[in-house]
N, C-alpha and C. Protein backbone atom coordinates (compact mmCIF):
# COMPACT_ATOMS: atom_id res chain seq x y z
N MET A 1 0.79 -1.18 0.03
CA MET A 1 0.01 0.03 0.08
C MET A 1 0.90 1.21 0.03
N LYS A 2 0.53 2.27 -0.75
CA LYS A 2 1.26 3.47 -0.81
C LYS A 2 0.91 4.39 0.26
N THR A 3 1.89 5.10 0.78
CA THR A 3 1.56 6.16 1.77
C THR A 3 2.15 7.46 1.21
N PHE A 4 1.35 8.60 1.40
CA PHE A 4 1.74 9.89 0.95
C PHE A 4 1.63 10.87 2.04
N LEU A 5 2.60 11.82 2.15
CA LEU A 5 2.55 12.85 3.06
C LEU A 5 2.06 14.16 2.48
N VAL A 6 1.07 14.71 2.99
CA VAL A 6 0.54 15.96 2.33
C VAL A 6 0.40 17.05 3.33
N CYS A 7 0.34 18.28 2.89
CA CYS A 7 0.22 19.49 3.61
C CYS A 7 -0.81 20.43 2.90
N ALA A 8 -1.99 20.43 3.20
CA ALA A 8 -3.02 21.27 2.53
C ALA A 8 -3.60 22.12 3.62
N LEU A 9 -2.99 23.24 3.84
CA LEU A 9 -3.46 24.24 4.89
C LEU A 9 -4.64 25.08 4.51
N GLU A 10 -4.66 25.42 3.21
CA GLU A 10 -5.72 26.42 2.82
C GLU A 10 -6.81 25.57 2.14
N PRO A 11 -8.10 26.12 2.25
CA PRO A 11 -9.24 25.37 1.64
C PRO A 11 -8.98 25.07 0.13
N SER A 12 -8.36 26.01 -0.59
CA SER A 12 -8.15 25.71 -1.96
C SER A 12 -7.15 24.56 -2.22
N ALA A 13 -6.21 24.37 -1.27
CA ALA A 13 -5.29 23.29 -1.32
C ALA A 13 -6.03 22.02 -1.21
N ASN A 14 -6.98 21.97 -0.38
CA ASN A 14 -7.88 20.69 -0.15
C ASN A 14 -8.56 20.42 -1.46
N LEU A 15 -9.11 21.42 -2.21
CA LEU A 15 -9.65 21.21 -3.42
C LEU A 15 -8.78 20.60 -4.46
N HIS A 16 -7.54 20.98 -4.52
CA HIS A 16 -6.56 20.40 -5.50
C HIS A 16 -6.17 19.07 -5.02
N LEU A 17 -6.00 18.87 -3.64
CA LEU A 17 -5.73 17.58 -3.16
C LEU A 17 -6.87 16.49 -3.43
N LYS A 18 -8.03 16.90 -3.34
CA LYS A 18 -9.14 16.01 -3.74
C LYS A 18 -8.98 15.44 -5.07
N GLU A 19 -8.53 16.29 -5.99
CA GLU A 19 -8.44 15.81 -7.52
C GLU A 19 -7.17 14.87 -7.59
N VAL A 20 -6.08 15.18 -6.80
CA VAL A 20 -4.97 14.26 -6.70
C VAL A 20 -5.35 12.99 -6.21
N LEU A 21 -6.19 12.98 -5.07
CA LEU A 21 -6.61 11.69 -4.50
C LEU A 21 -7.44 10.81 -5.41
N LYS A 22 -8.24 11.51 -6.23
CA LYS A 22 -9.00 10.77 -7.22
C LYS A 22 -8.08 10.02 -8.20
N ALA A 23 -6.97 10.56 -8.65
CA ALA A 23 -5.99 9.97 -9.48
C ALA A 23 -5.27 8.87 -8.73
N TYR A 24 -4.99 9.10 -7.48
CA TYR A 24 -4.30 8.05 -6.67
C TYR A 24 -5.16 6.86 -6.54
N LYS A 25 -6.49 7.08 -6.29
CA LYS A 25 -7.39 5.97 -6.07
C LYS A 25 -7.54 5.12 -7.41
N LYS A 26 -7.45 5.78 -8.54
CA LYS A 26 -7.50 5.11 -9.87
C LYS A 26 -6.17 4.33 -9.99
N ASP A 27 -5.10 4.91 -9.72
CA ASP A 27 -3.81 4.26 -9.98
C ASP A 27 -3.46 3.23 -9.02
N PHE A 28 -3.62 3.50 -7.74
CA PHE A 28 -3.16 2.64 -6.67
C PHE A 28 -4.21 1.82 -5.92
N GLY A 29 -5.42 2.18 -6.14
CA GLY A 29 -6.54 1.47 -5.40
C GLY A 29 -6.58 2.00 -3.88
N LYS A 30 -5.96 1.29 -3.00
CA LYS A 30 -5.81 1.70 -1.59
C LYS A 30 -4.63 2.39 -1.35
N PHE A 31 -4.71 3.46 -0.54
CA PHE A 31 -3.45 4.24 -0.15
C PHE A 31 -3.80 4.90 1.18
N GLU A 32 -2.73 5.44 1.85
CA GLU A 32 -2.85 6.22 3.03
C GLU A 32 -2.28 7.63 2.84
N ILE A 33 -2.87 8.57 3.48
CA ILE A 33 -2.29 9.97 3.50
C ILE A 33 -2.06 10.30 4.89
N HIS A 34 -0.92 11.03 5.15
CA HIS A 34 -0.62 11.57 6.49
C HIS A 34 -0.33 13.00 6.29
N GLY A 35 -0.58 13.85 7.39
CA GLY A 35 -0.31 15.25 7.26
C GLY A 35 -1.49 16.14 7.69
N ILE A 36 -1.48 17.27 6.96
CA ILE A 36 -2.52 18.20 7.31
C ILE A 36 -3.49 18.40 6.03
N TYR A 37 -4.68 18.09 6.29
CA TYR A 37 -5.72 18.15 5.27
C TYR A 37 -7.07 18.18 5.82
N ASP A 38 -8.16 18.39 5.05
CA ASP A 38 -9.55 18.46 5.56
C ASP A 38 -9.95 16.93 5.84
N GLU A 39 -10.47 16.82 7.04
CA GLU A 39 -10.89 15.48 7.51
C GLU A 39 -11.98 14.84 6.68
N SER A 40 -12.87 15.71 5.87
CA SER A 40 -13.91 15.16 5.14
C SER A 40 -13.36 14.25 3.98
N LEU A 41 -12.14 14.57 3.67
CA LEU A 41 -11.50 13.57 2.53
C LEU A 41 -11.40 12.21 3.04
N CYS A 42 -11.29 11.95 4.39
CA CYS A 42 -11.17 10.59 4.82
C CYS A 42 -12.45 9.78 4.59
N LYS A 43 -13.48 10.37 4.79
CA LYS A 43 -14.88 9.69 4.48
C LYS A 43 -15.05 9.53 2.98
N GLU A 44 -14.72 10.56 2.33
CA GLU A 44 -15.03 10.49 0.82
C GLU A 44 -14.16 9.43 0.14
N PHE A 45 -12.96 9.24 0.54
CA PHE A 45 -12.07 8.36 -0.04
C PHE A 45 -11.84 6.99 0.83
N ASP A 46 -12.66 6.86 1.85
CA ASP A 46 -12.64 5.65 2.64
C ASP A 46 -11.25 5.47 3.23
N LEU A 47 -10.64 6.48 3.84
CA LEU A 47 -9.34 6.35 4.42
C LEU A 47 -9.41 6.10 5.86
N ASN A 48 -8.49 5.19 6.34
CA ASN A 48 -8.39 4.98 7.80
C ASN A 48 -7.45 6.02 8.47
N SER A 49 -6.69 6.70 7.76
CA SER A 49 -5.83 7.73 8.45
C SER A 49 -6.60 8.95 8.69
N ARG A 50 -6.12 9.78 9.59
CA ARG A 50 -6.72 11.01 10.08
C ARG A 50 -5.72 12.13 9.98
N PRO A 51 -6.17 13.36 9.70
CA PRO A 51 -5.21 14.43 9.62
C PRO A 51 -4.57 14.77 11.01
N LEU A 52 -3.44 15.47 11.01
CA LEU A 52 -2.81 15.92 12.21
C LEU A 52 -3.52 17.10 12.77
């Protein structure tokens, strides 16, 4: 499983991160992200990880 470190402090950064996560889901299937991001992305992408 792939793990990615992200830092999306601003709301617009989370919008861009959402598009990146869509591509990751297509390419890798399951993955984890760690770092700073909007917690709503966890539910949307069925992630077990939580933001810092």
